Amino acid sequence: MTSSADSGGEATALAMPADHALRAVIADWLRALAQERRMAANTVEAYSRDLRQFLVHLAGRRGTPTLPMLTGLSVRDLRAFMASRRAEEVSGRSLMRMLAGLRSFGRHLEREGHGTVSALSAVRSPKVPRRLPRPLPVTAAVALTDADTRAGEERDPWILARDAAVLALLYGAGLRISEALGLKRIDAPVPGIDQVTVLGKGGKERMVPILPVVAEAVAAYLAACPLPLPPEGPLFVGARGGPLSPRIIQYAVARLRGSLGLPDTATPHALRHSFATHLLARQGELRAIQELLGHASLSTTQIYTQIDAARLMSAYQAAHPRAGIRA
């Protein structure tokens, strides 16, 4: 029986401008990313899209791409592709991801005995300035997660309670929106439950502590929800009972931004950044924050120390009596 991941990889490979043999290898690669490496579906989709864009570019220069054509690529071929993407105003960050996807496919070719794309190791990744996450002030984060903030909206009370519970999990537990919406009803973090298991990136599970205020928000949603919630079904559902779309929560936050006068950077994911930044500001231990966030590498978590340092410097420059005096 063919799995959905298998059929999805084959369908995507068929859309590639390539000969039959190369398409088969592409389908194998996509299956390996999804099943063996357990990459997130969005990452697999992005890598697939990037490879297709490269093959379209290559087909325009040299005809239908084949396996021998790929293993015989030159540095000039890759640089021409990168230059064409820059001309279309693709960001350096996107170019870096494109190159990462091509290198992943190149490693797959080598592992499967199809040859080595040596040009990929000779091309440098574009330099991309690392952007700092933009957390919210404590008062703004609390307001976003408070159900009373939206009390005047003409929405069903259970919808408002649902959205507040999701946002409480993002800020109060540091969850990604996919992790919060991936919770099952049977695992609902209600009063009396002080931790919950979430499924993070790459299919990795982690235990996350639950604050009483977060558990109370989830309990308020469950008490108000008029729809049946089977134990093995999703905890958070849409107006018709299906799984709740992340887009609905994004829309809810967009409405709150307007009423609270917050910038466009106030997004659901900004609540997760706020969770980490506010913990660190209150002397939270970096390794513990790494575990709470589910970061594979401590270096990913360390970016929040830069935010805290920037905040301290800003406060210093604003308050110190000699900050504005130049020698």
C-alpha atoms as a PDB file:
ATOM      1  CA  MET A   1       0.000   0.000   0.000  1.00  0.00           C
ATOM      2  CA  THR A   2       1.357   3.451  -0.910  1.00  0.00           C
ATOM      3  CA  SER A   3       1.414   5.954   1.957  1.00  0.00           C
ATOM      4  CA  SER A   4       0.277   9.558   1.583  1.00  0.00           C
ATOM      5  CA  ALA A   5       3.903  10.673   1.968  1.00  0.00           C
ATOM      6  CA  ASP A   6       4.945   8.284  -0.833  1.00  0.00           C
ATOM      7  CA  SER A   7       2.186   9.421  -3.195  1.00  0.00           C
ATOM      8  CA  GLY A   8       2.842  13.063  -2.349  1.00  0.00           C
ATOM      9  CA  GLY A   9       6.538  12.695  -3.163  1.00  0.00           C
ATOM     10  CA  GLU A  10       5.786  10.953  -6.445  1.00  0.00           C
ATOM     11  CA  ALA A  11       3.226  13.583  -7.462  1.00  0.00           C
ATOM     12  CA  THR A  12       5.653  16.391  -6.680  1.00  0.00           C
ATOM     13  CA  ALA A  13       8.462  14.668  -8.569  1.00  0.00           C
ATOM     14  CA  LEU A  14       6.234  14.340 -11.651  1.00  0.00           C
ATOM     15  CA  ALA A  15       5.870  18.129 -11.691  1.00  0.00           C
ATOM     16  CA  MET A  16       9.640  18.550 -11.939  1.00  0.00           C
ATOM     17  CA  PRO A  17      11.226  19.427 -15.305  1.00  0.00           C
ATOM     18  CA  ALA A  18      13.403  16.301 -15.424  1.00  0.00           C
ATOM     19  CA  ASP A  19      13.719  12.963 -17.202  1.00  0.00           C
ATOM     20  CA  HIS A  20      12.146   9.793 -15.774  1.00  0.00           C
ATOM     21  CA  ALA A  21      15.249   8.583 -13.915  1.00  0.00           C
ATOM     22  CA  LEU A  22      15.810  11.918 -12.196  1.00  0.00           C
ATOM     23  CA  ARG A  23      12.150  12.183 -11.208  1.00  0.00           C
ATOM     24  CA  ALA A  24      12.351   8.775  -9.528  1.00  0.00           C
ATOM     25  CA  VAL A  25      15.367   9.887  -7.498  1.00  0.00           C
ATOM     26  CA  ILE A  26      13.596  13.117  -6.514  1.00  0.00           C
ATOM     27  CA  ALA A  27      10.582  11.130  -5.278  1.00  0.00           C
ATOM     28  CA  ASP A  28      12.909   8.925  -3.182  1.00  0.00           C
ATOM     29  CA  TRP A  29      14.569  12.020  -1.718  1.00  0.00           C
ATOM     30  CA  LEU A  30      11.259  13.628  -0.734  1.00  0.00           C
ATOM     31  CA  ARG A  31      10.129  10.389   0.924  1.00  0.00           C
ATOM     32  CA  ALA A  32      13.404  10.205   2.844  1.00  0.00           C
ATOM     33  CA  LEU A  33      13.020  13.789   4.072  1.00  0.00           C
ATOM     34  CA  ALA A  34       9.478  13.158   5.320  1.00  0.00           C
ATOM     35  CA  GLN A  35       9.806   9.622   6.668  1.00  0.00           C
ATOM     36  CA  GLU A  36      13.433   8.959   7.614  1.00  0.00           C
ATOM     37  CA  ARG A  37      14.576  12.434   8.582  1.00  0.00           C
ATOM     38  CA  ARG A  38      11.063  13.356   9.793  1.00  0.00           C
ATOM     39  CA  MET A  39      11.312  16.904   8.503  1.00  0.00           C
ATOM     40  CA  ALA A  40       8.336  19.197   8.952  1.00  0.00           C
ATOM     41  CA  ALA A  41       5.946  19.156   5.990  1.00  0.00           C
ATOM     42  CA  ASN A  42       6.558  22.867   5.356  1.00  0.00           C
ATOM     43  CA  THR A  43      10.323  22.286   5.142  1.00  0.00           C
ATOM     44  CA  VAL A  44       9.901  19.389   2.719  1.00  0.00           C
ATOM     45  CA  GLU A  45       7.599  21.521   0.587  1.00  0.00           C
ATOM     46  CA  ALA A  46      10.104  24.412   0.591  1.00  0.00           C
ATOM     47  CA  TYR A  47      13.023  22.136  -0.390  1.00  0.00           C
ATOM     48  CA  SER A  48      10.920  20.618  -3.164  1.00  0.00           C
ATOM     49  CA  ARG A  49       9.939  24.050  -4.471  1.00  0.00           C
ATOM     50  CA  ASP A  50      13.551  25.238  -4.412  1.00  0.00           C
ATOM     51  CA  LEU A  51      14.767  22.200  -6.350  1.00  0.00           C
ATOM     52  CA  ARG A  52      12.037  22.695  -8.937  1.00  0.00           C
ATOM     53  CA  GLN A  53      13.016  26.347  -9.412  1.00  0.00           C
ATOM     54  CA  PHE A  54      16.613  25.286  -9.945  1.00  0.00           C
ATOM     55  CA  LEU A  55      15.639  22.606 -12.450  1.00  0.00           C
ATOM     56  CA  VAL A  56      13.457  25.093 -14.359  1.00  0.00           C
ATOM     57  CA  HIS A  57      16.434  27.453 -14.518  1.00  0.00           C
ATOM     58  CA  LEU A  58      18.727  24.635 -15.620  1.00  0.00           C
ATOM     59  CA  ALA A  59      16.267  23.426 -18.267  1.00  0.00           C
ATOM     60  CA  GLY A  60      16.186  26.916 -19.759  1.00  0.00           C
ATOM     61  CA  ARG A  61      19.972  26.900 -20.117  1.00  0.00           C
ATOM     62  CA  ARG A  62      20.800  23.296 -20.973  1.00  0.00           C
ATOM     63  CA  GLY A  63      17.642  21.345 -21.803  1.00  0.00           C
ATOM     64  CA  THR A  64      15.826  18.659 -19.808  1.00  0.00           C
ATOM     65  CA  PRO A  65      17.783  17.991 -16.591  1.00  0.00           C
ATOM     66  CA  THR A  66      19.186  14.481 -16.111  1.00  0.00           C
ATOM     67  CA  LEU A  67      21.265  12.757 -13.435  1.00  0.00           C
ATOM     68  CA  PRO A  68      24.503  13.087 -15.454  1.00  0.00           C
ATOM     69  CA  MET A  69      23.738  16.767 -16.011  1.00  0.00           C
ATOM     70  CA  LEU A  70      23.431  17.334 -12.244  1.00  0.00           C
ATOM     71  CA  THR A  71      26.602  15.467 -11.323  1.00  0.00           C
ATOM     72  CA  GLY A  72      28.402  17.447 -14.018  1.00  0.00           C
ATOM     73  CA  LEU A  73      27.255  20.842 -12.745  1.00  0.00           C
ATOM     74  CA  SER A  74      29.808  23.614 -12.575  1.00  0.00           C
ATOM     75  CA  VAL A  75      30.156  26.364 -10.021  1.00  0.00           C
ATOM     76  CA  ARG A  76      29.180  28.753 -12.802  1.00  0.00           C
ATOM     77  CA  ASP A  77      25.828  26.954 -13.228  1.00  0.00           C
ATOM     78  CA  LEU A  78      24.998  27.399  -9.540  1.00  0.00           C
ATOM     79  CA  ARG A  79      26.166  31.000  -9.427  1.00  0.00           C
ATOM     80  CA  ALA A  80      24.033  31.805 -12.461  1.00  0.00           C
ATOM     81  CA  PHE A  81      20.988  30.379 -10.675  1.00  0.00           C
ATOM     82  CA  MET A  82      21.719  32.356  -7.495  1.00  0.00           C
ATOM     83  CA  ALA A  83      22.235  35.527  -9.543  1.00  0.00           C
ATOM     84  CA  SER A  84      18.920  35.026 -11.336  1.00  0.00           C
ATOM     85  CA  ARG A  85      17.127  34.665  -8.008  1.00  0.00           C
ATOM     86  CA  ARG A  86      18.816  37.803  -6.644  1.00  0.00           C
ATOM     87  CA  ALA A  87      17.649  39.660  -9.749  1.00  0.00           C
ATOM     88  CA  GLU A  88      14.105  38.696  -8.779  1.00  0.00           C
ATOM     89  CA  GLU A  89      14.759  40.277  -5.356  1.00  0.00           C
ATOM     90  CA  VAL A  90      14.777  36.988  -3.464  1.00  0.00           C
ATOM     91  CA  SER A  91      16.174  37.609   0.021  1.00  0.00           C
ATOM     92  CA  GLY A  92      19.539  36.338   1.181  1.00  0.00           C
ATOM     93  CA  ARG A  93      17.783  34.176   3.765  1.00  0.00           C
ATOM     94  CA  SER A  94      15.695  32.489   1.060  1.00  0.00           C
ATOM     95  CA  LEU A  95      18.805  31.989  -1.089  1.00  0.00           C
ATOM     96  CA  MET A  96      20.539  30.329   1.833  1.00  0.00           C
ATOM     97  CA  ARG A  97      17.583  27.948   2.275  1.00  0.00           C
ATOM     98  CA  MET A  98      17.579  27.204  -1.463  1.00  0.00           C
ATOM     99  CA  LEU A  99      21.234  26.248  -1.343  1.00  0.00           C
ATOM    100  CA  ALA A 100      20.597  24.084   1.728  1.00  0.00           C
ATOM    101  CA  GLY A 101      17.853  22.239  -0.163  1.00  0.00           C
ATOM    102  CA  LEU A 102      20.075  21.667  -3.184  1.00  0.00           C
ATOM    103  CA  ARG A 103      22.864  20.378  -0.950  1.00  0.00           C
ATOM    104  CA  SER A 104      20.438  18.015   0.742  1.00  0.00           C
ATOM    105  CA  PHE A 105      19.473  16.613  -2.646  1.00  0.00           C
ATOM    106  CA  GLY A 106      23.139  16.412  -3.626  1.00  0.00           C
ATOM    107  CA  ARG A 107      23.905  14.345  -0.510  1.00  0.00           C
ATOM    108  CA  HIS A 108      21.011  12.048  -1.380  1.00  0.00           C
ATOM    109  CA  LEU A 109      22.417  11.516  -4.876  1.00  0.00           C
ATOM    110  CA  GLU A 110      25.794  10.593  -3.409  1.00  0.00           C
ATOM    111  CA  ARG A 111      24.346   8.242  -0.761  1.00  0.00           C
ATOM    112  CA  GLU A 112      22.303   6.415  -3.389  1.00  0.00           C
ATOM    113  CA  GLY A 113      25.306   5.963  -5.663  1.00  0.00           C
ATOM    114  CA  HIS A 114      24.290   8.395  -8.403  1.00  0.00           C
ATOM    115  CA  GLY A 115      27.452  10.470  -8.220  1.00  0.00           C
ATOM    116  CA  THR A 116      28.701  13.604  -6.484  1.00  0.00           C
ATOM    117  CA  VAL A 117      27.659  17.178  -7.244  1.00  0.00           C
ATOM    118  CA  SER A 118      31.026  18.631  -6.263  1.00  0.00           C
ATOM    119  CA  ALA A 119      30.046  22.156  -7.335  1.00  0.00           C
ATOM    120  CA  LEU A 120      27.652  22.400  -4.392  1.00  0.00           C
ATOM    121  CA  SER A 121      30.501  22.322  -1.866  1.00  0.00           C
ATOM    122  CA  ALA A 122      32.409  24.974  -3.800  1.00  0.00           C
ATOM    123  CA  VAL A 123      29.642  27.600  -3.679  1.00  0.00           C
ATOM    124  CA  ARG A 124      29.525  29.785  -0.603  1.00  0.00           C
ATOM    125  CA  SER A 125      26.264  30.416   1.187  1.00  0.00           C
ATOM    126  CA  PRO A 126      25.143  34.050   1.047  1.00  0.00           C
ATOM    127  CA  LYS A 127      25.836  36.056   4.178  1.00  0.00           C
ATOM    128  CA  VAL A 128      22.622  36.817   6.006  1.00  0.00           C
ATOM    129  CA  PRO A 129      22.456  39.144   9.005  1.00  0.00           C
ATOM    130  CA  ARG A 130      20.810  37.307  11.847  1.00  0.00           C
ATOM    131  CA  ARG A 131      17.571  38.998  12.755  1.00  0.00           C
ATOM    132  CA  LEU A 132      16.708  39.158  16.405  1.00  0.00           C
ATOM    133  CA  PRO A 133      13.248  37.912  17.431  1.00  0.00           C
ATOM    134  CA  ARG A 134      10.891  40.714  18.393  1.00  0.00           C
ATOM    135  CA  PRO A 135       9.230  39.937  21.718  1.00  0.00           C
ATOM    136  CA  LEU A 136       6.344  41.944  23.109  1.00  0.00           C
ATOM    137  CA  PRO A 137       6.369  43.961  26.323  1.00  0.00           C
ATOM    138  CA  VAL A 138       4.965  42.002  29.259  1.00  0.00           C
ATOM    139  CA  THR A 139       1.797  44.118  29.403  1.00  0.00           C
ATOM    140  CA  ALA A 140       1.087  43.587  25.693  1.00  0.00           C
ATOM    141  CA  ALA A 141       1.696  39.832  25.902  1.00  0.00           C
ATOM    142  CA  VAL A 142      -0.648  39.529  28.881  1.00  0.00           C
ATOM    143  CA  ALA A 143      -3.321  41.609  27.123  1.00  0.00           C
ATOM    144  CA  LEU A 144      -3.155  39.392  24.024  1.00  0.00           C
ATOM    145  CA  THR A 145      -3.804  36.285  26.096  1.00  0.00           C
ATOM    146  CA  ASP A 146      -6.612  37.744  28.205  1.00  0.00           C
ATOM    147  CA  ALA A 147     -10.086  36.687  27.052  1.00  0.00           C
ATOM    148  CA  ASP A 148     -11.550  39.921  28.448  1.00  0.00           C
ATOM    149  CA  THR A 149      -9.539  41.944  25.909  1.00  0.00           C
ATOM    150  CA  ARG A 150     -11.937  40.790  23.154  1.00  0.00           C
ATOM    151  CA  ALA A 151     -15.089  40.869  25.277  1.00  0.00           C
ATOM    152  CA  GLY A 152     -16.692  43.526  23.060  1.00  0.00           C
ATOM    153  CA  GLU A 153     -16.361  41.562  19.826  1.00  0.00           C
ATOM    154  CA  GLU A 154     -19.454  40.102  18.191  1.00  0.00           C
ATOM    155  CA  ARG A 155     -18.167  36.556  18.376  1.00  0.00           C
ATOM    156  CA  ASP A 156     -19.488  33.469  20.135  1.00  0.00           C
ATOM    157  CA  PRO A 157     -18.113  33.406  23.696  1.00  0.00           C
ATOM    158  CA  TRP A 158     -16.683  29.920  23.189  1.00  0.00           C
ATOM    159  CA  ILE A 159     -14.718  31.157  20.153  1.00  0.00           C
ATOM    160  CA  LEU A 160     -13.191  33.936  22.229  1.00  0.00           C
ATOM    161  CA  ALA A 161     -12.408  31.449  25.011  1.00  0.00           C
ATOM    162  CA  ARG A 162     -10.825  29.080  22.498  1.00  0.00           C
ATOM    163  CA  ASP A 163      -8.560  31.733  21.009  1.00  0.00           C
ATOM    164  CA  ALA A 164      -7.549  32.940  24.467  1.00  0.00           C
ATOM    165  CA  ALA A 165      -6.628  29.379  25.482  1.00  0.00           C
ATOM    166  CA  VAL A 166      -4.450  28.899  22.393  1.00  0.00           C
ATOM    167  CA  LEU A 167      -2.666  32.219  22.970  1.00  0.00           C
ATOM    168  CA  ALA A 168      -2.218  31.356  26.652  1.00  0.00           C
ATOM    169  CA  LEU A 169      -0.341  28.213  25.596  1.00  0.00           C
ATOM    170  CA  LEU A 170       1.903  30.192  23.238  1.00  0.00           C
ATOM    171  CA  TYR A 171       2.897  32.745  25.873  1.00  0.00           C
ATOM    172  CA  GLY A 172       2.474  30.732  29.063  1.00  0.00           C
ATOM    173  CA  ALA A 173       4.160  27.536  27.831  1.00  0.00           C
ATOM    174  CA  GLY A 174       6.264  28.791  24.904  1.00  0.00           C
ATOM    175  CA  LEU A 175       4.589  26.514  22.372  1.00  0.00           C
ATOM    176  CA  ARG A 176       4.715  26.909  18.645  1.00  0.00           C
ATOM    177  CA  ILE A 177       1.250  27.395  17.184  1.00  0.00           C
ATOM    178  CA  SER A 178       1.492  23.999  15.454  1.00  0.00           C
ATOM    179  CA  GLU A 179       2.286  22.381  18.805  1.00  0.00           C
ATOM    180  CA  ALA A 180      -0.682  23.983  20.530  1.00  0.00           C
ATOM    181  CA  LEU A 181      -3.093  23.058  17.731  1.00  0.00           C
ATOM    182  CA  GLY A 182      -1.624  19.550  17.612  1.00  0.00           C
ATOM    183  CA  LEU A 183      -2.796  18.735  21.145  1.00  0.00           C
ATOM    184  CA  LYS A 184      -5.514  16.086  21.478  1.00  0.00           C
ATOM    185  CA  ARG A 185      -8.561  16.461  23.704  1.00  0.00           C
ATOM    186  CA  ILE A 186      -7.364  13.615  25.912  1.00  0.00           C
ATOM    187  CA  ASP A 187      -4.154  15.557  26.620  1.00  0.00           C
ATOM    188  CA  ALA A 188      -5.872  18.844  27.503  1.00  0.00           C
ATOM    189  CA  PRO A 189      -3.811  20.698  30.142  1.00  0.00           C
ATOM    190  CA  VAL A 190      -6.583  21.496  32.628  1.00  0.00           C
ATOM    191  CA  PRO A 191      -6.340  22.368  36.344  1.00  0.00           C
ATOM    192  CA  GLY A 192      -4.659  19.507  38.194  1.00  0.00           C
ATOM    193  CA  ILE A 193      -2.344  18.751  35.264  1.00  0.00           C
ATOM    194  CA  ASP A 194       0.970  20.538  35.630  1.00  0.00           C
ATOM    195  CA  GLN A 195       2.665  19.383  32.427  1.00  0.00           C
ATOM    196  CA  VAL A 196       1.828  18.239  28.924  1.00  0.00           C
ATOM    197  CA  THR A 197       3.649  16.354  26.179  1.00  0.00           C
ATOM    198  CA  VAL A 198       3.861  18.182  22.860  1.00  0.00           C
ATOM    199  CA  LEU A 199       5.079  17.058  19.462  1.00  0.00           C
ATOM    200  CA  GLY A 200       7.657  19.533  18.201  1.00  0.00           C
ATOM    201  CA  LYS A 201       9.738  19.951  15.065  1.00  0.00           C
ATOM    202  CA  GLY A 202      11.042  16.762  13.527  1.00  0.00           C
ATOM    203  CA  GLY A 203       8.492  14.705  15.429  1.00  0.00           C
ATOM    204  CA  LYS A 204      10.372  15.194  18.709  1.00  0.00           C
ATOM    205  CA  GLU A 205       8.352  15.028  21.902  1.00  0.00           C
ATOM    206  CA  ARG A 206       9.032  17.125  24.982  1.00  0.00           C
ATOM    207  CA  MET A 207       7.403  17.732  28.335  1.00  0.00           C
ATOM    208  CA  VAL A 208       6.242  21.300  28.991  1.00  0.00           C
ATOM    209  CA  PRO A 209       5.107  22.627  32.384  1.00  0.00           C
ATOM    210  CA  ILE A 210       1.685  24.258  32.500  1.00  0.00           C
ATOM    211  CA  LEU A 211       0.952  27.297  34.649  1.00  0.00           C
ATOM    212  CA  PRO A 212      -2.357  27.360  36.564  1.00  0.00           C
ATOM    213  CA  VAL A 213      -3.511  30.420  34.611  1.00  0.00           C
ATOM    214  CA  VAL A 214      -2.959  28.522  31.338  1.00  0.00           C
ATOM    215  CA  ALA A 215      -4.818  25.468  32.606  1.00  0.00           C
ATOM    216  CA  GLU A 216      -7.704  27.698  33.673  1.00  0.00           C
ATOM    217  CA  ALA A 217      -7.892  29.249  30.193  1.00  0.00           C
ATOM    218  CA  VAL A 218      -8.075  25.775  28.612  1.00  0.00           C
ATOM    219  CA  ALA A 219     -10.723  24.700  31.123  1.00  0.00           C
ATOM    220  CA  ALA A 220     -12.793  27.816  30.349  1.00  0.00           C
ATOM    221  CA  TYR A 221     -12.701  26.946  26.657  1.00  0.00           C
ATOM    222  CA  LEU A 222     -13.744  23.336  27.297  1.00  0.00           C
ATOM    223  CA  ALA A 223     -16.615  24.453  29.491  1.00  0.00           C
ATOM    224  CA  ALA A 224     -17.883  26.860  26.826  1.00  0.00           C
ATOM    225  CA  CYS A 225     -17.326  24.743  23.701  1.00  0.00           C
ATOM    226  CA  PRO A 226     -20.713  23.481  22.388  1.00  0.00           C
ATOM    227  CA  LEU A 227     -19.165  20.963  19.982  1.00  0.00           C
ATOM    228  CA  PRO A 228     -18.306  17.315  20.724  1.00  0.00           C
ATOM    229  CA  LEU A 229     -14.604  16.789  21.369  1.00  0.00           C
ATOM    230  CA  PRO A 230     -13.686  13.090  21.053  1.00  0.00           C
ATOM    231  CA  PRO A 231     -10.762  12.055  23.296  1.00  0.00           C
ATOM    232  CA  GLU A 232      -8.469  11.259  20.357  1.00  0.00           C
ATOM    233  CA  GLY A 233      -9.616  14.255  18.331  1.00  0.00           C
ATOM    234  CA  PRO A 234      -8.079  17.738  18.313  1.00  0.00           C
ATOM    235  CA  LEU A 235      -8.371  19.795  21.471  1.00  0.00           C
ATOM    236  CA  PHE A 236      -8.977  23.006  19.527  1.00  0.00           C
ATOM    237  CA  VAL A 237     -11.615  22.972  16.806  1.00  0.00           C
ATOM    238  CA  GLY A 238     -13.064  25.420  14.323  1.00  0.00           C
ATOM    239  CA  ALA A 239     -16.632  26.673  14.173  1.00  0.00           C
ATOM    240  CA  ARG A 240     -17.731  23.531  12.291  1.00  0.00           C
ATOM    241  CA  GLY A 241     -15.883  21.088  14.510  1.00  0.00           C
ATOM    242  CA  GLY A 242     -12.864  20.407  12.301  1.00  0.00           C
ATOM    243  CA  PRO A 243      -9.227  20.968  13.339  1.00  0.00           C
ATOM    244  CA  LEU A 244      -8.534  24.630  14.027  1.00  0.00           C
ATOM    245  CA  SER A 245      -6.481  26.361  11.344  1.00  0.00           C
ATOM    246  CA  PRO A 246      -3.460  28.442  12.419  1.00  0.00           C
ATOM    247  CA  ARG A 247      -4.804  31.153  10.126  1.00  0.00           C
ATOM    248  CA  ILE A 248      -7.773  31.690  12.460  1.00  0.00           C
ATOM    249  CA  ILE A 249      -5.454  32.439  15.373  1.00  0.00           C
ATOM    250  CA  GLN A 250      -3.389  34.747  13.178  1.00  0.00           C
ATOM    251  CA  TYR A 251      -6.539  36.661  12.260  1.00  0.00           C
ATOM    252  CA  ALA A 252      -7.516  36.892  15.929  1.00  0.00           C
ATOM    253  CA  VAL A 253      -4.130  38.371  16.820  1.00  0.00           C
ATOM    254  CA  ALA A 254      -4.368  40.795  13.893  1.00  0.00           C
ATOM    255  CA  ARG A 255      -7.661  42.097  15.291  1.00  0.00           C
ATOM    256  CA  LEU A 256      -6.105  42.419  18.732  1.00  0.00           C
ATOM    257  CA  ARG A 257      -3.168  44.327  17.280  1.00  0.00           C
ATOM    258  CA  GLY A 258      -5.565  46.941  16.009  1.00  0.00           C
ATOM    259  CA  SER A 259      -7.465  47.318  19.263  1.00  0.00           C
ATOM    260  CA  LEU A 260      -4.318  47.376  21.405  1.00  0.00           C
ATOM    261  CA  GLY A 261      -2.273  49.576  19.072  1.00  0.00           C
ATOM    262  CA  LEU A 262       0.489  46.992  18.637  1.00  0.00           C
ATOM    263  CA  PRO A 263       2.912  46.792  15.675  1.00  0.00           C
ATOM    264  CA  ASP A 264       2.706  44.207  12.879  1.00  0.00           C
ATOM    265  CA  THR A 265       5.454  42.232  14.625  1.00  0.00           C
ATOM    266  CA  ALA A 266       2.903  41.260  17.304  1.00  0.00           C
ATOM    267  CA  THR A 267       2.111  37.796  15.919  1.00  0.00           C
ATOM    268  CA  PRO A 268       1.269  34.451  17.524  1.00  0.00           C
ATOM    269  CA  HIS A 269       4.921  33.418  17.202  1.00  0.00           C
ATOM    270  CA  ALA A 270       5.987  36.643  18.927  1.00  0.00           C
ATOM    271  CA  LEU A 271       4.293  35.273  22.046  1.00  0.00           C
ATOM    272  CA  ARG A 272       6.719  32.340  22.009  1.00  0.00           C
ATOM    273  CA  HIS A 273       9.615  34.799  21.661  1.00  0.00           C
ATOM    274  CA  SER A 274       8.141  36.784  24.530  1.00  0.00           C
ATOM    275  CA  PHE A 275       7.950  33.648  26.685  1.00  0.00           C
ATOM    276  CA  ALA A 276      11.700  33.056  26.262  1.00  0.00           C
ATOM    277  CA  THR A 277      12.753  36.689  26.580  1.00  0.00           C
ATOM    278  CA  HIS A 278      10.693  37.354  29.700  1.00  0.00           C
ATOM    279  CA  LEU A 279      11.993  34.177  31.363  1.00  0.00           C
ATOM    280  CA  LEU A 280      15.568  35.207  30.631  1.00  0.00           C
ATOM    281  CA  ALA A 281      14.945  38.720  31.941  1.00  0.00           C
ATOM    282  CA  ARG A 282      13.820  37.146  35.222  1.00  0.00           C
ATOM    283  CA  GLN A 283      17.040  35.165  35.543  1.00  0.00           C
ATOM    284  CA  GLY A 284      15.786  32.022  33.830  1.00  0.00           C
ATOM    285  CA  GLU A 285      18.587  29.542  33.144  1.00  0.00           C
ATOM    286  CA  LEU A 286      19.447  29.336  29.439  1.00  0.00           C
ATOM    287  CA  ARG A 287      19.707  25.547  29.281  1.00  0.00           C
ATOM    288  CA  ALA A 288      16.289  25.179  30.927  1.00  0.00           C
ATOM    289  CA  ILE A 289      14.783  27.659  28.422  1.00  0.00           C
ATOM    290  CA  GLN A 290      16.299  25.603  25.612  1.00  0.00           C
ATOM    291  CA  GLU A 291      14.507  22.510  26.921  1.00  0.00           C
ATOM    292  CA  LEU A 292      11.225  24.371  27.306  1.00  0.00           C
ATOM    293  CA  LEU A 293      11.377  25.709  23.751  1.00  0.00           C
ATOM    294  CA  GLY A 294      12.462  22.378  22.271  1.00  0.00           C
ATOM    295  CA  HIS A 295      15.555  23.833  20.587  1.00  0.00           C
ATOM    296  CA  ALA A 296      17.963  21.168  19.363  1.00  0.00           C
ATOM    297  CA  SER A 297      20.939  23.493  19.797  1.00  0.00           C
ATOM    298  CA  LEU A 298      21.767  25.872  22.625  1.00  0.00           C
ATOM    299  CA  SER A 299      23.048  28.381  20.057  1.00  0.00           C
ATOM    300  CA  THR A 300      19.466  28.830  18.834  1.00  0.00           C
ATOM    301  CA  THR A 301      18.353  29.756  22.340  1.00  0.00           C
ATOM    302  CA  GLN A 302      21.336  32.033  22.921  1.00  0.00           C
ATOM    303  CA  ILE A 303      19.901  34.581  20.503  1.00  0.00           C
ATOM    304  CA  TYR A 304      17.579  35.634  23.325  1.00  0.00           C
ATOM    305  CA  THR A 305      20.593  36.767  25.343  1.00  0.00           C
ATOM    306  CA  GLN A 306      21.278  39.289  22.576  1.00  0.00           C
ATOM    307  CA  ILE A 307      17.738  40.627  22.914  1.00  0.00           C
ATOM    308  CA  ASP A 308      18.193  41.029  26.669  1.00  0.00           C
ATOM    309  CA  ALA A 309      21.552  42.744  26.181  1.00  0.00           C
ATOM    310  CA  ALA A 310      20.007  45.127  23.640  1.00  0.00           C
ATOM    311  CA  ARG A 311      17.180  45.882  26.057  1.00  0.00           C
ATOM    312  CA  LEU A 312      19.609  46.654  28.872  1.00  0.00           C
ATOM    313  CA  MET A 313      21.716  48.916  26.637  1.00  0.00           C
ATOM    314  CA  SER A 314      18.598  50.770  25.485  1.00  0.00           C
ATOM    315  CA  ALA A 315      17.529  51.318  29.093  1.00  0.00           C
ATOM    316  CA  TYR A 316      21.045  52.471  29.989  1.00  0.00           C
ATOM    317  CA  GLN A 317      21.197  54.988  27.155  1.00  0.00           C
ATOM    318  CA  ALA A 318      17.769  56.328  28.034  1.00  0.00           C
ATOM    319  CA  ALA A 319      18.355  56.641  31.769  1.00  0.00           C
ATOM    320  CA  HIS A 320      22.036  57.171  32.505  1.00  0.00           C
ATOM    321  CA  PRO A 321      22.806  60.874  33.113  1.00  0.00           C
ATOM    322  CA  ARG A 322      26.003  60.709  31.053  1.00  0.00           C
ATOM    323  CA  ALA A 323      24.690  58.520  28.217  1.00  0.00           C
ATOM    324  CA  GLY A 324      24.126  61.492  25.900  1.00  0.00           C
ATOM    325  CA  ILE A 325      27.455  63.197  26.637  1.00  0.00           C
ATOM    326  CA  ARG A 326      30.199  62.765  24.043  1.00  0.00           C
ATOM    327  CA  ALA A 327      33.873  63.166  24.897  1.00  0.00           C
END
